[in-house]
Amino acid sequence: MDQELIARLKNQLRERETATLSKFAAKNECGARKRPDASDELDIRPIFWRDADRILHSFAFSRYIDKTQVFYLFKNDLITHRMIHVQLLSKIARTIGRALRLNEDLIEAIALGHDIGHPPFGHDGEAYISQICQKHGINNFLHNVQSVIFLEQIENKGWGLNLTLQVVDGILCHDGEIHNMRLTPDKDKDWDIHAAELQAKVNKGKAFEITPMTLEGCVVRLADTISYIGRDIQDAIMVKLISKADVPEECTKILGNDNREIVDTLVKDVIESSIDRDSVGFSPDISAALFKLKQFNYRHIYLNPQIKTEANKIERMFSILFDRFIEDMTSENLESRIYQDFLNHKDIPIENEAYLNKHKAEIVRDFIAGMTDDYFNDCFKETCLPKNFGYEIRGEV
């Protein structure tokens, strides 16, 4: 494309941004990459738009398609999987962002990447990997930290996607399980602060709360809750884990009777409570009802023993596979899937050789965390279950 045309189009986009975005919005000109990228100047897409596209085209994003959201081991195509959750979150967050005149490109990039670090079997899988990691002396496993690891250390053959600080920060800080009535951005961050927050999160676990540096990141964090709270109830009713009558009336009276009404109520409340403010949040009554609904979901859905009957088996599968891949790396078994499907595909550049010198358990963690549910099961079958010889021994005698 002609350079003068590129310059003219980029200028038009900047003028539109200046004319339409709130004074509280993150401007594309403030996007900060860890490594300068000359191609930014040759592309008509603003920097956060490019980040969203980089995430969308990553291998890790493709693996969303068969990762669990809440319910696994159900043969029901209508149940929400991780890919659907990510799309719902992106749409809800951009709806709020557009109403508040925030940067929708930044919102979309954070939304698309926020759950990339989720392992097989959802939050249960996250707990199993975390226990194994602690046993091997590599601290807690947290899916938001793992999302950053995938995007910054593993994608693009080990080079990472070189995303902006604003996007990586929003992904690290998305913690939708934490209940916040209101969030005010922690603006004064740089890459050193980001690295310190990431390490503190690993050391201290979920209890260590960090706040996004942009309003856009704060919107994604609230939208994460909005996107799953009613949808998980809808799925739980579908699989007959609960009935509609089980949902507390004190919540339905305020928030609505189904997912559509809950999303509508929460989105409108965030917009009304946040417009023309340097913070985002819910009104007190809505926030209180949402907190009670979260408590209901945890007791009756996420921790319900009826969907945990196979949990011990899956936990053992994680432990067995983890130990097996540690053994394969120790013995340099190049036929192992960890070499064939992971390390041999990375082509780590010389500047990133430190990755190959990491603790073996960290590399195994990264490999397993990237698996889809089906791939995890296939690996276990191939690695741990005996193969049938068939009718006779094949090959030369």
Protein backbone atom coordinates (compact mmCIF):
# COMPACT_ATOMS: atom_id res chain seq x y z
CA MET A 1 0.00 0.00 0.00
CA ASP A 2 1.23 3.47 -0.84
CA GLN A 3 2.99 5.11 2.13
CA GLU A 4 1.18 8.41 1.69
CA LEU A 5 -2.16 6.60 1.75
CA ILE A 6 -1.15 4.72 4.90
CA ALA A 7 -0.17 7.99 6.56
CA ARG A 8 -3.46 9.64 5.55
CA LEU A 9 -5.56 6.73 6.83
CA LYS A 10 -3.64 6.59 10.11
CA ASN A 11 -4.17 10.30 10.58
CA GLN A 12 -7.91 9.92 9.93
CA LEU A 13 -8.10 7.21 12.59
CA ARG A 14 -6.23 9.41 15.07
CA GLU A 15 -8.61 12.30 14.37
CA ARG A 16 -11.63 10.05 14.89
CA GLU A 17 -10.15 8.77 18.15
CA THR A 18 -9.59 12.33 19.39
CA ALA A 19 -13.12 13.31 18.44
CA THR A 20 -14.94 10.31 19.87
CA LEU A 21 -13.04 8.85 22.83
CA SER A 22 -13.56 9.99 26.40
CA LYS A 23 -10.77 11.88 28.15
CA PHE A 24 -10.52 8.83 30.43
CA ALA A 25 -9.97 6.36 27.57
CA ALA A 26 -6.60 4.79 26.72
CA LYS A 27 -5.30 6.34 23.51
CA ASN A 28 -3.51 4.20 20.94
CA GLU A 29 -0.55 6.57 20.91
CA CYS A 30 0.18 5.51 24.51
CA GLY A 31 0.46 1.82 23.61
CA ALA A 32 3.82 0.58 24.93
CA ARG A 33 5.54 -2.50 23.51
CA LYS A 34 8.45 -4.10 25.34
CA ARG A 35 10.35 -4.25 22.06
CA PRO A 36 9.95 -1.56 19.38
CA ASP A 37 8.11 -2.86 16.32
CA ALA A 38 8.81 -0.92 13.13
CA SER A 39 5.87 -2.62 11.42
CA ASP A 40 3.50 -0.55 13.57
CA GLU A 41 4.37 2.47 11.44
CA LEU A 42 3.65 0.58 8.22
CA ASP A 43 0.19 -0.62 9.25
CA ILE A 44 -3.04 1.35 9.14
CA ARG A 45 -4.37 -0.51 12.20
CA PRO A 46 -3.91 1.27 15.53
CA ILE A 47 -1.64 -0.51 17.97
CA PHE A 48 -4.35 -2.08 20.18
CA TRP A 49 -6.24 -3.22 17.09
CA ARG A 50 -3.07 -5.00 15.96
CA ASP A 51 -2.74 -6.64 19.37
CA ALA A 52 -6.27 -8.02 19.11
CA ASP A 53 -5.44 -9.47 15.69
CA ARG A 54 -2.19 -10.99 16.95
CA ILE A 55 -4.07 -12.79 19.71
CA LEU A 56 -6.86 -13.86 17.36
CA HIS A 57 -4.36 -15.50 14.99
CA SER A 58 -2.34 -17.23 17.73
CA PHE A 59 -2.28 -21.01 18.20
CA ALA A 60 -3.30 -20.55 21.84
CA PHE A 61 -6.49 -18.78 20.75
CA SER A 62 -7.38 -21.69 18.47
CA ARG A 63 -7.27 -24.04 21.44
CA TYR A 64 -10.13 -22.21 23.15
CA ILE A 65 -12.48 -24.23 20.94
CA ASP A 66 -12.24 -27.39 23.07
CA LYS A 67 -11.50 -26.04 26.53
CA THR A 68 -13.96 -26.38 29.39
CA GLN A 69 -15.77 -23.37 30.83
CA VAL A 70 -17.51 -24.98 33.84
CA PHE A 71 -19.13 -28.25 32.79
CA TYR A 72 -17.01 -31.10 31.43
CA LEU A 73 -17.79 -34.76 30.69
CA PHE A 74 -21.20 -33.82 29.26
CA LYS A 75 -22.19 -34.76 25.70
CA ASN A 76 -24.15 -31.58 25.17
CA ASP A 77 -23.10 -29.18 22.41
CA LEU A 78 -25.22 -26.39 23.88
CA ILE A 79 -23.11 -26.08 27.04
CA THR A 80 -20.84 -23.05 27.11
CA HIS A 81 -17.22 -23.80 26.24
CA ARG A 82 -14.31 -21.44 26.77
CA MET A 83 -14.54 -20.05 23.22
CA ILE A 84 -18.17 -19.01 23.70
CA HIS A 85 -17.36 -17.40 27.05
CA VAL A 86 -14.56 -15.36 25.47
CA GLN A 87 -16.84 -14.15 22.68
CA LEU A 88 -19.61 -13.25 25.12
CA LEU A 89 -17.17 -11.37 27.34
CA SER A 90 -15.75 -9.45 24.38
CA LYS A 91 -19.21 -8.40 23.19
CA ILE A 92 -20.41 -7.35 26.65
CA ALA A 93 -17.21 -5.44 27.41
CA ARG A 94 -17.30 -3.63 24.05
CA THR A 95 -20.95 -2.70 24.62
CA ILE A 96 -20.02 -1.06 27.92
CA GLY A 97 -16.90 0.47 26.40
CA ARG A 98 -18.78 2.02 23.50
CA ALA A 99 -21.34 3.59 25.83
CA LEU A 100 -18.55 5.02 28.01
CA ARG A 101 -16.57 6.11 24.91
CA LEU A 102 -13.57 3.94 25.77
CA ASN A 103 -11.09 2.27 23.43
CA GLU A 104 -12.91 -0.78 22.04
CA ASP A 105 -9.77 -2.11 20.34
CA LEU A 106 -7.99 -2.33 23.69
CA ILE A 107 -11.06 -3.90 25.29
CA GLU A 108 -11.27 -6.53 22.57
CA ALA A 109 -7.58 -7.42 22.80
CA ILE A 110 -7.76 -7.93 26.56
CA ALA A 111 -11.00 -9.89 26.26
CA LEU A 112 -9.70 -12.23 23.55
CA GLY A 113 -6.55 -13.05 25.49
CA HIS A 114 -7.79 -13.13 29.06
CA ASP A 115 -8.41 -16.90 29.40
CA ILE A 116 -5.78 -18.29 27.03
CA GLY A 117 -3.90 -19.74 30.02
CA HIS A 118 -6.80 -21.91 31.19
CA PRO A 119 -5.77 -25.60 31.31
CA PRO A 120 -7.95 -28.60 30.42
CA PHE A 121 -11.01 -29.14 32.63
CA GLY A 122 -11.42 -25.52 33.65
CA HIS A 123 -10.89 -24.31 37.20
CA ASP A 124 -10.65 -27.89 38.48
CA GLY A 125 -7.73 -28.47 36.14
CA GLU A 126 -6.20 -25.21 37.35
CA ALA A 127 -6.34 -26.43 40.96
CA TYR A 128 -4.77 -29.80 40.06
CA ILE A 129 -1.88 -28.21 38.14
CA SER A 130 -1.30 -25.71 40.93
CA GLN A 131 -0.94 -28.50 43.50
CA ILE A 132 1.51 -30.34 41.25
CA CYS A 133 3.52 -27.17 40.59
CA GLN A 134 3.84 -26.50 44.31
CA LYS A 135 5.02 -30.08 44.83
CA HIS A 136 7.77 -29.46 42.26
CA GLY A 137 8.76 -26.15 43.88
CA ILE A 138 7.54 -23.78 41.15
CA ASN A 139 4.81 -22.00 43.15
CA ASN A 140 1.16 -21.48 42.26
CA PHE A 141 -0.45 -22.01 38.88
CA LEU A 142 -2.85 -19.22 37.91
CA HIS A 143 -4.53 -19.11 34.53
CA ASN A 144 -4.15 -15.34 34.15
CA VAL A 145 -0.39 -15.59 34.77
CA GLN A 146 -0.25 -18.52 32.36
CA SER A 147 -2.05 -16.42 29.73
CA VAL A 148 0.81 -13.92 29.90
CA ILE A 149 3.38 -16.73 29.68
CA PHE A 150 1.75 -18.14 26.54
CA LEU A 151 1.44 -14.78 24.82
CA GLU A 152 4.84 -13.39 25.83
CA GLN A 153 7.11 -16.47 25.91
CA ILE A 154 5.62 -19.31 23.88
CA GLU A 155 3.62 -17.97 20.94
CA ASN A 156 5.33 -17.07 17.66
CA LYS A 157 7.92 -19.84 18.02
CA GLY A 158 9.16 -18.51 21.32
CA TRP A 159 9.46 -14.88 20.31
CA GLY A 160 6.14 -14.00 21.91
CA LEU A 161 3.58 -11.65 20.36
CA ASN A 162 5.22 -8.48 21.74
CA LEU A 163 1.89 -7.10 22.91
CA THR A 164 1.48 -3.71 24.50
CA LEU A 165 1.76 -3.26 28.26
CA GLN A 166 -1.87 -2.12 28.44
CA VAL A 167 -3.11 -5.41 26.91
CA VAL A 168 -0.83 -7.70 28.93
CA ASP A 169 -1.70 -5.82 32.12
CA GLY A 170 -5.43 -6.16 31.46
CA ILE A 171 -5.03 -9.91 30.90
CA LEU A 172 -3.01 -10.39 34.09
CA CYS A 173 -5.46 -8.33 36.17
CA HIS A 174 -8.74 -9.70 34.81
CA ASP A 175 -9.65 -11.76 37.95
CA GLY A 176 -13.38 -12.05 37.32
CA GLU A 177 -13.79 -14.29 40.37
CA ILE A 178 -12.97 -11.38 42.71
CA HIS A 179 -16.00 -9.26 43.59
CA ASN A 180 -15.51 -5.53 43.12
CA MET A 181 -18.26 -2.95 43.38
CA ARG A 182 -16.02 -0.34 41.75
CA LEU A 183 -12.60 -0.27 40.12
CA THR A 184 -10.32 2.73 39.62
CA PRO A 185 -7.35 2.18 37.27
CA ASP A 186 -3.86 1.95 38.74
CA LYS A 187 -2.39 4.11 36.01
CA ASP A 188 1.27 4.52 36.87
CA LYS A 189 2.65 1.23 35.62
CA ASP A 190 5.61 0.31 33.45
CA TRP A 191 7.10 -3.02 32.38
CA ASP A 192 9.12 -3.31 35.60
CA ILE A 193 5.99 -2.87 37.72
CA HIS A 194 4.18 -5.39 35.53
CA ALA A 195 6.95 -7.95 36.09
CA ALA A 196 6.84 -7.36 39.84
CA GLU A 197 3.05 -7.76 39.92
CA LEU A 198 3.22 -10.95 37.90
CA GLN A 199 5.81 -12.45 40.27
CA ALA A 200 3.84 -11.35 43.33
CA LYS A 201 0.73 -12.99 41.88
CA VAL A 202 2.63 -16.25 41.40
CA ASN A 203 4.06 -16.11 44.93
CA LYS A 204 0.89 -15.09 46.77
CA GLY A 205 -1.80 -16.70 44.63
CA LYS A 206 -5.38 -15.64 44.00
CA ALA A 207 -5.58 -13.66 47.24
CA PHE A 208 -3.14 -11.06 45.87
CA GLU A 209 -5.34 -8.52 44.08
CA ILE A 210 -3.99 -6.21 41.41
CA THR A 211 -5.94 -3.56 39.50
CA PRO A 212 -5.72 -2.88 35.75
CA MET A 213 -3.90 0.23 34.60
CA THR A 214 -6.68 1.30 32.21
CA LEU A 215 -10.41 1.80 32.42
CA GLU A 216 -10.66 -0.64 29.54
CA GLY A 217 -8.98 -3.33 31.63
CA CYS A 218 -11.37 -2.56 34.50
CA VAL A 219 -14.35 -2.93 32.14
CA VAL A 220 -13.14 -6.36 31.00
CA ARG A 221 -12.78 -7.47 34.61
CA LEU A 222 -16.37 -6.52 35.43
CA ALA A 223 -17.63 -7.91 32.12
CA ASP A 224 -15.98 -11.25 32.90
CA THR A 225 -18.38 -11.67 35.81
CA ILE A 226 -21.34 -10.40 33.78
CA SER A 227 -20.62 -12.87 31.00
CA TYR A 228 -20.44 -16.00 33.17
CA ILE A 229 -22.74 -15.46 36.15
CA GLY A 230 -26.11 -15.94 34.42
CA ARG A 231 -24.78 -18.16 31.66
CA ASP A 232 -23.45 -20.68 34.19
CA ILE A 233 -26.89 -20.77 35.83
CA GLN A 234 -28.45 -21.33 32.41
CA ASP A 235 -26.08 -24.24 31.74
CA ALA A 236 -26.64 -25.71 35.21
CA ILE A 237 -30.39 -25.71 34.64
CA MET A 238 -29.89 -27.30 31.21
CA VAL A 239 -27.95 -30.25 32.64
CA LYS A 240 -30.46 -30.52 35.52
CA LEU A 241 -27.91 -29.74 38.20
CA ILE A 242 -30.25 -27.10 39.62
CA SER A 243 -33.72 -25.82 38.82
CA LYS A 244 -34.78 -22.27 38.10
CA ALA A 245 -36.64 -22.21 41.40
CA ASP A 246 -33.34 -22.76 43.27
CA VAL A 247 -32.00 -19.34 42.29
CA PRO A 248 -32.50 -16.95 45.24
CA GLU A 249 -35.54 -14.73 44.82
CA GLU A 250 -33.69 -11.84 46.45
CA CYS A 251 -31.32 -11.95 43.46
CA THR A 252 -33.84 -12.55 40.67
CA LYS A 253 -36.03 -9.66 41.85
CA ILE A 254 -33.14 -7.24 41.33
CA LEU A 255 -31.10 -8.83 38.55
CA GLY A 256 -33.65 -10.77 36.51
CA ASN A 257 -34.98 -14.27 36.00
CA ASP A 258 -32.69 -15.54 33.25
CA ASN A 259 -29.32 -14.90 31.66
CA ARG A 260 -30.64 -12.35 29.16
CA GLU A 261 -32.22 -10.26 31.90
CA ILE A 262 -29.19 -10.58 34.19
CA VAL A 263 -26.79 -9.42 31.47
CA ASP A 264 -29.09 -6.55 30.50
CA THR A 265 -29.46 -5.38 34.11
CA LEU A 266 -25.76 -5.54 34.90
CA VAL A 267 -24.59 -3.89 31.68
CA LYS A 268 -27.02 -0.99 32.02
CA ASP A 269 -26.10 -0.54 35.68
CA VAL A 270 -22.36 -0.40 34.94
CA ILE A 271 -22.95 2.20 32.22
CA GLU A 272 -25.23 4.33 34.38
CA SER A 273 -22.88 4.11 37.39
CA SER A 274 -19.72 4.85 35.39
CA ILE A 275 -20.50 7.38 32.67
CA ASP A 276 -18.13 10.38 32.64
CA ARG A 277 -16.16 8.98 35.58
CA ASP A 278 -12.56 7.83 35.94
CA SER A 279 -13.75 4.54 37.45
CA VAL A 280 -16.22 1.81 36.59
CA GLY A 281 -18.54 -0.20 38.80
CA PHE A 282 -21.99 -1.21 39.93
CA SER A 283 -24.51 0.62 42.06
CA PRO A 284 -24.65 -0.59 45.72
CA ASP A 285 -27.91 -2.57 45.43
CA ILE A 286 -26.91 -4.27 42.19
CA SER A 287 -23.45 -5.07 43.55
CA ALA A 288 -24.94 -6.65 46.68
CA ALA A 289 -27.35 -8.79 44.66
CA LEU A 290 -24.55 -9.85 42.31
CA PHE A 291 -22.36 -10.86 45.25
CA LYS A 292 -25.16 -13.02 46.65
CA LEU A 293 -25.67 -14.61 43.23
CA LYS A 294 -21.95 -15.41 43.04
CA GLN A 295 -22.19 -17.11 46.41
CA PHE A 296 -25.14 -19.15 45.15
CA ASN A 297 -23.19 -20.21 42.05
CA TYR A 298 -20.22 -21.34 44.11
CA ARG A 299 -22.29 -23.39 46.53
CA HIS A 300 -24.75 -24.93 44.11
CA ILE A 301 -22.83 -25.08 40.81
CA TYR A 302 -19.03 -24.80 40.95
CA LEU A 303 -18.61 -26.83 44.17
CA ASN A 304 -21.62 -29.10 43.71
CA PRO A 305 -20.52 -32.70 44.49
CA GLN A 306 -22.83 -34.06 41.76
CA ILE A 307 -20.40 -32.85 39.09
CA LYS A 308 -17.27 -33.84 41.03
CA THR A 309 -17.76 -37.62 40.99
CA GLU A 310 -14.99 -38.10 38.39
CA ALA A 311 -12.69 -35.45 39.85
CA ASN A 312 -10.33 -37.87 41.61
CA LYS A 313 -9.72 -39.72 38.36
CA ILE A 314 -8.93 -36.54 36.47
CA GLU A 315 -6.65 -35.32 39.27
CA ARG A 316 -4.69 -38.59 39.07
CA MET A 317 -4.48 -38.23 35.30
CA PHE A 318 -2.88 -34.80 35.70
CA SER A 319 -0.36 -36.17 38.18
CA ILE A 320 0.52 -39.21 36.06
CA LEU A 321 0.93 -37.20 32.86
CA PHE A 322 2.99 -34.52 34.60
CA ASP A 323 5.39 -37.10 36.05
CA ARG A 324 5.61 -38.94 32.74
CA PHE A 325 6.60 -35.82 30.81
CA ILE A 326 9.18 -34.95 33.48
CA GLU A 327 10.66 -38.43 32.94
CA ASP A 328 10.60 -37.97 29.16
CA MET A 329 12.54 -34.71 29.44
CA THR A 330 15.03 -36.21 31.89
CA SER A 331 15.69 -39.17 29.58
CA GLU A 332 15.46 -36.95 26.48
CA ASN A 333 12.81 -39.20 24.96
CA LEU A 334 12.48 -37.35 21.68
CA GLU A 335 9.50 -39.48 20.68
CA SER A 336 7.45 -38.09 23.54
CA ARG A 337 4.63 -35.72 22.73
CA ILE A 338 6.29 -33.00 24.78
CA TYR A 339 9.04 -32.94 22.16
CA GLN A 340 7.00 -33.82 19.09
CA ASP A 341 4.08 -31.46 19.75
CA PHE A 342 5.65 -28.73 21.85
CA LEU A 343 9.39 -28.20 22.14
CA ASN A 344 10.24 -29.20 18.59
CA HIS A 345 7.64 -26.74 17.32
CA LYS A 346 8.92 -23.80 19.33
CA ASP A 347 12.23 -23.13 17.52
CA ILE A 348 13.38 -20.93 20.40
CA PRO A 349 15.56 -18.05 19.16
CA ILE A 350 19.02 -17.70 20.69
CA GLU A 351 17.91 -14.67 22.77
CA ASN A 352 15.27 -16.84 24.43
CA GLU A 353 17.43 -19.87 25.21
CA ALA A 354 16.62 -19.23 28.85
CA TYR A 355 13.28 -20.90 28.21
CA LEU A 356 14.94 -24.24 27.50
CA ASN A 357 16.97 -23.84 30.69
CA LYS A 358 13.87 -23.39 32.83
CA HIS A 359 12.89 -25.91 35.48
CA LYS A 360 11.61 -29.02 33.70
CA ALA A 361 8.39 -28.76 35.69
CA GLU A 362 7.78 -25.27 34.28
CA ILE A 363 8.07 -26.55 30.72
CA VAL A 364 5.74 -29.49 31.48
CA ARG A 365 3.32 -27.05 33.12
CA ASP A 366 3.29 -24.93 29.97
CA PHE A 367 2.72 -27.97 27.76
CA ILE A 368 -0.18 -29.37 29.80
CA ALA A 369 -1.78 -25.97 30.37
CA GLY A 370 -2.00 -25.47 26.62
CA MET A 371 -3.87 -28.73 26.02
CA THR A 372 -7.52 -28.96 25.08
CA ASP A 373 -9.63 -31.45 27.02
CA ASP A 374 -9.64 -33.96 24.14
CA TYR A 375 -5.90 -33.66 23.54
CA PHE A 376 -5.28 -34.22 27.25
CA ASN A 377 -7.37 -37.41 27.17
CA ASP A 378 -5.60 -38.59 24.00
CA CYS A 379 -2.20 -38.01 25.62
CA PHE A 380 -3.21 -40.01 28.66
CA LYS A 381 -4.51 -42.91 26.59
CA GLU A 382 -1.41 -42.97 24.42
CA THR A 383 1.00 -42.59 27.31
CA CYS A 384 -0.59 -44.68 30.05
CA LEU A 385 -2.95 -47.26 28.55
CA PRO A 386 -1.72 -50.45 26.82
CA LYS A 387 -2.10 -50.70 23.07
CA ASN A 388 -3.76 -53.72 21.49
CA PHE A 389 -1.52 -55.66 19.09
CA GLY A 390 -4.50 -56.49 16.91
CA TYR A 391 -4.72 -59.82 15.09
CA GLU A 392 -0.97 -60.47 15.02
CA ILE A 393 2.47 -58.89 15.51
CA ARG A 394 3.13 -56.46 12.67
CA GLY A 395 6.53 -56.07 11.04
CA GLU A 396 9.51 -58.34 10.56
CA VAL A 397 10.00 -61.37 12.82
